[in-house]
Amino acid sequence: MSIKEDAHAIVDQLSDDANWNDLVKALYMNKKITLGMTDSEVVQDSLSESDINGIIGRLQSASTQPDDMRNTKTYKPGDSATLGMIAGVVAILFSFVFPPVAWIAAPVAFIAGIIGIKNKEDKAWVPILLALISLVPIMKIILDNHPS
């Protein structure tokens, strides 16, 4: 049987007042969709209505994360915000250990954050914040070594 014939057979089994949820449940029942199913559910001979509701519930709860937590479609590794975040973390870490590295990394993070904001990149404010945070230990060193 072809996929079209399978699909027609499943749709023909639905009642006349069926909605999209009924179609999705029928596709799960006939194991034409296995997304969200556990290994034990995939190998079961048949699924009950509660099994299918559980699968759909798991899928819906998995997609309730905020959009900014699952923006994998728009994330581009190597963009300015990413470079800035890396430079900002390096600046913070080295500001405690070897400040001259932080003196280079902090401006890189700040500039990359500005470029990211200009390019409307997600989370471009983070490198600017990291760069500013890395200035705290640097300022402490300067103030401690400054003659009063």
C-alpha atoms as a PDB file:
ATOM      1  CA  MET A   1       0.000   0.000   0.000  1.00  0.00           C
ATOM      2  CA  SER A   2       1.326   3.475  -0.872  1.00  0.00           C
ATOM      3  CA  ILE A   3       1.500   6.358   1.567  1.00  0.00           C
ATOM      4  CA  LYS A   4      -1.461   8.007  -0.160  1.00  0.00           C
ATOM      5  CA  GLU A   5      -3.529   4.868   0.207  1.00  0.00           C
ATOM      6  CA  ASP A   6      -2.520   4.583   3.884  1.00  0.00           C
ATOM      7  CA  ALA A   7      -3.452   8.208   4.484  1.00  0.00           C
ATOM      8  CA  HIS A   8      -6.802   7.805   2.709  1.00  0.00           C
ATOM      9  CA  ALA A   9      -7.600   4.692   4.740  1.00  0.00           C
ATOM     10  CA  ILE A  10      -6.831   6.498   8.022  1.00  0.00           C
ATOM     11  CA  VAL A  11      -8.849   9.579   7.037  1.00  0.00           C
ATOM     12  CA  ASP A  12     -11.744   7.409   5.836  1.00  0.00           C
ATOM     13  CA  GLN A  13     -11.903   5.755   9.295  1.00  0.00           C
ATOM     14  CA  LEU A  14     -12.480   9.129  10.986  1.00  0.00           C
ATOM     15  CA  SER A  15     -15.978  10.278  11.814  1.00  0.00           C
ATOM     16  CA  ASP A  16     -17.498  13.099   9.792  1.00  0.00           C
ATOM     17  CA  ASP A  17     -17.168  15.511  12.701  1.00  0.00           C
ATOM     18  CA  ALA A  18     -13.480  14.693  13.326  1.00  0.00           C
ATOM     19  CA  ASN A  19     -11.037  17.513  13.954  1.00  0.00           C
ATOM     20  CA  TRP A  20      -7.259  17.812  13.527  1.00  0.00           C
ATOM     21  CA  ASN A  21      -6.626  16.335  16.982  1.00  0.00           C
ATOM     22  CA  ASP A  22      -8.609  13.242  15.973  1.00  0.00           C
ATOM     23  CA  LEU A  23      -6.476  12.908  12.843  1.00  0.00           C
ATOM     24  CA  VAL A  24      -3.247  13.210  14.828  1.00  0.00           C
ATOM     25  CA  LYS A  25      -4.485  10.612  17.308  1.00  0.00           C
ATOM     26  CA  ALA A  26      -5.390   8.277  14.432  1.00  0.00           C
ATOM     27  CA  LEU A  27      -1.910   8.707  12.956  1.00  0.00           C
ATOM     28  CA  TYR A  28      -0.406   7.825  16.336  1.00  0.00           C
ATOM     29  CA  MET A  29      -2.784   4.886  16.713  1.00  0.00           C
ATOM     30  CA  ASN A  30      -1.653   3.532  13.340  1.00  0.00           C
ATOM     31  CA  LYS A  31       1.993   4.351  14.205  1.00  0.00           C
ATOM     32  CA  LYS A  32       2.414   6.630  11.215  1.00  0.00           C
ATOM     33  CA  ILE A  33       3.794   9.193  13.669  1.00  0.00           C
ATOM     34  CA  THR A  34       6.245   8.099  16.350  1.00  0.00           C
ATOM     35  CA  LEU A  35       7.524  11.507  17.467  1.00  0.00           C
ATOM     36  CA  GLY A  36       7.408  11.680  21.248  1.00  0.00           C
ATOM     37  CA  MET A  37       6.841   7.963  21.703  1.00  0.00           C
ATOM     38  CA  THR A  38       8.994   5.972  24.100  1.00  0.00           C
ATOM     39  CA  ASP A  39      10.732   2.834  22.890  1.00  0.00           C
ATOM     40  CA  SER A  40       8.174   0.667  24.687  1.00  0.00           C
ATOM     41  CA  GLU A  41       5.296   2.566  23.055  1.00  0.00           C
ATOM     42  CA  VAL A  42       6.799   2.101  19.592  1.00  0.00           C
ATOM     43  CA  VAL A  43       6.959  -1.700  19.967  1.00  0.00           C
ATOM     44  CA  GLN A  44       3.502  -2.102  21.544  1.00  0.00           C
ATOM     45  CA  ASP A  45       0.941  -3.771  19.285  1.00  0.00           C
ATOM     46  CA  SER A  46      -1.686  -1.141  20.003  1.00  0.00           C
ATOM     47  CA  LEU A  47      -1.941   2.096  21.926  1.00  0.00           C
ATOM     48  CA  SER A  48      -4.853   3.124  24.083  1.00  0.00           C
ATOM     49  CA  GLU A  49      -6.451   6.549  24.043  1.00  0.00           C
ATOM     50  CA  SER A  50      -4.666   7.366  27.327  1.00  0.00           C
ATOM     51  CA  ASP A  51      -1.315   6.290  25.835  1.00  0.00           C
ATOM     52  CA  ILE A  52      -1.828   8.657  22.912  1.00  0.00           C
ATOM     53  CA  ASN A  53      -2.971  11.481  25.200  1.00  0.00           C
ATOM     54  CA  GLY A  54       0.192  10.912  27.254  1.00  0.00           C
ATOM     55  CA  ILE A  55       2.384  11.136  24.145  1.00  0.00           C
ATOM     56  CA  ILE A  56       0.666  14.324  22.990  1.00  0.00           C
ATOM     57  CA  GLY A  57       0.913  15.751  26.515  1.00  0.00           C
ATOM     58  CA  ARG A  58       4.671  15.081  26.571  1.00  0.00           C
ATOM     59  CA  LEU A  59       5.073  16.780  23.206  1.00  0.00           C
ATOM     60  CA  GLN A  60       3.075  19.816  24.293  1.00  0.00           C
ATOM     61  CA  SER A  61       4.993  20.177  27.551  1.00  0.00           C
ATOM     62  CA  ALA A  62       8.296  19.869  25.695  1.00  0.00           C
ATOM     63  CA  SER A  63       7.328  22.786  23.472  1.00  0.00           C
ATOM     64  CA  THR A  64       6.321  25.135  26.293  1.00  0.00           C
ATOM     65  CA  GLN A  65       9.811  26.509  26.764  1.00  0.00           C
ATOM     66  CA  PRO A  66      10.088  30.208  26.061  1.00  0.00           C
ATOM     67  CA  ASP A  67      10.970  31.009  22.462  1.00  0.00           C
ATOM     68  CA  ASP A  68      14.370  32.390  23.413  1.00  0.00           C
ATOM     69  CA  MET A  69      15.282  28.993  24.899  1.00  0.00           C
ATOM     70  CA  ARG A  70      14.656  27.129  21.677  1.00  0.00           C
ATOM     71  CA  ASN A  71      15.702  29.523  18.935  1.00  0.00           C
ATOM     72  CA  THR A  72      17.934  26.990  17.223  1.00  0.00           C
ATOM     73  CA  LYS A  73      16.560  28.029  13.847  1.00  0.00           C
ATOM     74  CA  THR A  74      17.835  31.593  14.205  1.00  0.00           C
ATOM     75  CA  TYR A  75      21.044  30.900  16.118  1.00  0.00           C
ATOM     76  CA  LYS A  76      24.134  31.338  14.002  1.00  0.00           C
ATOM     77  CA  PRO A  77      27.340  30.216  15.700  1.00  0.00           C
ATOM     78  CA  GLY A  78      30.084  32.719  15.154  1.00  0.00           C
ATOM     79  CA  ASP A  79      27.894  35.795  15.130  1.00  0.00           C
ATOM     80  CA  SER A  80      28.961  38.923  16.992  1.00  0.00           C
ATOM     81  CA  ALA A  81      26.981  38.129  20.130  1.00  0.00           C
ATOM     82  CA  THR A  82      28.627  34.701  20.428  1.00  0.00           C
ATOM     83  CA  LEU A  83      32.117  36.159  19.918  1.00  0.00           C
ATOM     84  CA  GLY A  84      31.341  38.833  22.470  1.00  0.00           C
ATOM     85  CA  MET A  85      30.102  36.317  25.038  1.00  0.00           C
ATOM     86  CA  ILE A  86      33.272  34.268  24.684  1.00  0.00           C
ATOM     87  CA  ALA A  87      35.439  37.370  24.966  1.00  0.00           C
ATOM     88  CA  GLY A  88      33.413  38.546  27.968  1.00  0.00           C
ATOM     89  CA  VAL A  89      33.863  35.275  29.830  1.00  0.00           C
ATOM     90  CA  VAL A  90      37.587  35.319  29.044  1.00  0.00           C
ATOM     91  CA  ALA A  91      37.759  38.911  30.275  1.00  0.00           C
ATOM     92  CA  ILE A  92      36.076  38.036  33.569  1.00  0.00           C
ATOM     93  CA  LEU A  93      38.204  34.957  34.174  1.00  0.00           C
ATOM     94  CA  PHE A  94      41.483  36.632  33.331  1.00  0.00           C
ATOM     95  CA  SER A  95      40.670  39.824  35.213  1.00  0.00           C
ATOM     96  CA  PHE A  96      41.315  37.813  38.389  1.00  0.00           C
ATOM     97  CA  VAL A  97      44.299  35.823  37.139  1.00  0.00           C
ATOM     98  CA  PHE A  98      46.165  37.846  34.532  1.00  0.00           C
ATOM     99  CA  PRO A  99      44.576  41.291  33.994  1.00  0.00           C
ATOM    100  CA  PRO A 100      46.380  42.229  30.754  1.00  0.00           C
ATOM    101  CA  VAL A 101      44.406  39.553  28.903  1.00  0.00           C
ATOM    102  CA  ALA A 102      41.202  41.037  30.335  1.00  0.00           C
ATOM    103  CA  TRP A 103      42.236  44.480  29.092  1.00  0.00           C
ATOM    104  CA  ILE A 104      42.114  43.070  25.560  1.00  0.00           C
ATOM    105  CA  ALA A 105      39.120  40.738  25.925  1.00  0.00           C
ATOM    106  CA  ALA A 106      36.800  43.278  27.607  1.00  0.00           C
ATOM    107  CA  PRO A 107      36.893  45.805  24.725  1.00  0.00           C
ATOM    108  CA  VAL A 108      36.467  42.966  22.221  1.00  0.00           C
ATOM    109  CA  ALA A 109      33.381  41.791  24.128  1.00  0.00           C
ATOM    110  CA  PHE A 110      32.006  45.330  24.358  1.00  0.00           C
ATOM    111  CA  ILE A 111      32.539  46.076  20.648  1.00  0.00           C
ATOM    112  CA  ALA A 112      31.124  42.688  19.606  1.00  0.00           C
ATOM    113  CA  GLY A 113      28.055  43.376  21.745  1.00  0.00           C
ATOM    114  CA  ILE A 114      27.558  46.781  20.112  1.00  0.00           C
ATOM    115  CA  ILE A 115      27.873  45.190  16.658  1.00  0.00           C
ATOM    116  CA  GLY A 116      25.421  42.477  17.721  1.00  0.00           C
ATOM    117  CA  ILE A 117      22.897  45.078  18.879  1.00  0.00           C
ATOM    118  CA  LYS A 118      23.345  46.974  15.623  1.00  0.00           C
ATOM    119  CA  ASN A 119      22.706  43.726  13.697  1.00  0.00           C
ATOM    120  CA  LYS A 120      19.714  42.927  15.961  1.00  0.00           C
ATOM    121  CA  GLU A 121      21.213  39.630  17.145  1.00  0.00           C
ATOM    122  CA  ASP A 122      19.634  37.714  20.020  1.00  0.00           C
ATOM    123  CA  LYS A 123      21.247  38.258  23.434  1.00  0.00           C
ATOM    124  CA  ALA A 124      23.697  40.856  22.089  1.00  0.00           C
ATOM    125  CA  TRP A 125      23.461  42.733  25.408  1.00  0.00           C
ATOM    126  CA  VAL A 126      25.173  39.852  27.247  1.00  0.00           C
ATOM    127  CA  PRO A 127      28.735  40.568  26.000  1.00  0.00           C
ATOM    128  CA  ILE A 128      28.349  44.220  26.981  1.00  0.00           C
ATOM    129  CA  LEU A 129      27.314  43.176  30.481  1.00  0.00           C
ATOM    130  CA  LEU A 130      30.225  40.710  30.703  1.00  0.00           C
ATOM    131  CA  ALA A 131      32.667  43.395  29.588  1.00  0.00           C
ATOM    132  CA  LEU A 132      31.363  45.795  32.240  1.00  0.00           C
ATOM    133  CA  ILE A 133      31.532  43.105  34.937  1.00  0.00           C
ATOM    134  CA  SER A 134      35.138  42.356  33.994  1.00  0.00           C
ATOM    135  CA  LEU A 135      35.980  46.000  34.717  1.00  0.00           C
ATOM    136  CA  VAL A 136      35.232  45.583  38.439  1.00  0.00           C
ATOM    137  CA  PRO A 137      38.425  43.633  39.283  1.00  0.00           C
ATOM    138  CA  ILE A 138      40.442  45.832  36.918  1.00  0.00           C
ATOM    139  CA  MET A 139      39.177  48.974  38.666  1.00  0.00           C
ATOM    140  CA  LYS A 140      39.971  47.423  42.057  1.00  0.00           C
ATOM    141  CA  ILE A 141      43.554  46.752  40.934  1.00  0.00           C
ATOM    142  CA  ILE A 142      43.903  50.303  39.649  1.00  0.00           C
ATOM    143  CA  LEU A 143      42.442  51.829  42.823  1.00  0.00           C
ATOM    144  CA  ASP A 144      44.578  49.620  45.110  1.00  0.00           C
ATOM    145  CA  ASN A 145      47.762  50.592  43.255  1.00  0.00           C
ATOM    146  CA  HIS A 146      46.921  54.278  42.934  1.00  0.00           C
ATOM    147  CA  PRO A 147      48.827  56.438  45.414  1.00  0.00           C
ATOM    148  CA  SER A 148      46.432  58.373  47.629  1.00  0.00           C
END
